[in-house]
């Protein structure tokens, strides 16, 4: 599948030029007393300013600095916004340097494109894993955590069991309710055991005011290590948009891995109105733990080669023959984002094509790759039962509107769409014929399928299918069924819909 062009960098300059043009038009409008034009441009001007007022209000700048930026934004909304983004990035960099936290330069090596050159891919795979990454077999010892109200308590209990070290690979730290619980346990570990190690790997783009507070609190503690990853985006931060992390994992004593698509949220109750729905957790052991240890060591070796080497030696002692015996071949593991490949996406498409009776899908929205949307339509034409659960958001962006148009088309062909109000879905769950499931920590959008660090699991395990159906049924109970479809619209509206679908890829 061909990779789409990432147009967000282009949009930065595009907004910059448009804002300058609007400023000129605003001045011209007032000079020539074109009231209507001036009012319309002023409305746009205020909307442009709106988002960055809040961005600056909650930034780390002192009051005087904030006042200067308010003045700049008042007179140059688009230009000032662009300058503020640059200033904030430099401010974060200075903070990291001040705290003496290492940045893995250019993500991987001194060569920006090292990891994205095809000639180097096989070499890198062999160096880290000595195995085929696109089709990694997991052990049976893996389970779904399907009681979300107990997920945080479960994770805290895992931390309490740690004896030697905890390694946290996180898209972001968080200063909310959940993090405070975790923080207490980490400090207790350090007090009780002076040799206990805590190692953090964080995304460069996750350095905000909350994260800085946590880093400053931990930095002077003995046996705590921080490293910031640059250009390895498991936290997505695009121009004018911020997305929550897609991947977190925690390694406890090199023996257990706790994996979650969004581990740290500010809400204790993940089913709350402002919480996050469907942040599924997994606990992994044995062969799968070796994989995550290798991944973590490779990243951390840029910061502290000696400590990474020590961890490798300890890991070798844990490896026994039975650890590497694959007790099951019914679970497959894929990773995307480090290596540019679309192996998982192809597998996902193949799974849907293999369906005979039913497809159940939990997904953030239907603004996906066009071939995926068309595939769902083909499924309906084969008279396969299709049920989809999506988030209902108040976002009025073009993407959201287009997603709703896709929903209308699917309903018109006999599919069922269920909406979750005031809740976000950060993962994808696919159930095929009630025999096979696919789980993903990210959704297939143009801006994430290739760039972010994502984890995917495919399984025909009866236990996992049972638990996946529990998720599905719970969500069906708390969602409502969408009944409208675009065939009920006027002929003009249907025609306009077709035009939008036709030309959107070129916008």
Foldseek 3Di string as FASTA:
>chain_A
DDADDDCQVVVLVVLLVVLVVLLVVLVVCVVVVVPVSNVVSVVVLVVLQVVVLVVLVQAPDDPVVSVVLVVVCVNRVSNSLSVVVVVSLVVLVVLCVVLVAAECPCQADPDVCQLVDPVCPVVVCCVQPVDDFAWDFAAPQKDKDQPLLCVLVVVLVLLLPFDAEKEKEAAEQAPADSNVSVVVSVVVNCVVDVRHAYEYEYESVRDGPGRSVVCVVCSPRPRYHYHYGYQARQWDDTVVDGDGGLWIWMQGPLFKIKIWRHDDDNDSRQPDLQHAPDGMIMMGGQPVSVNVLSVSLSSCCSPPVVVSVVSVVVNVVVDDPVSPDHPDRFKTKHKAASHFDCSVVVVVLVLLVPFDAEKEKEAAFQLAPPVVLVSLLVSLVNVHAYEYEYEDDPDPDPSRVLRVQSVQVSVVSPYWYWYAYSHGYQWMWMQGPLQKIKIKSHGHHSVDRHHHIIMMMIGRDNNRSVSVVVSVVVSNVRIGIDRHHCVPPDPVVVVVSVVCVVCVVVD
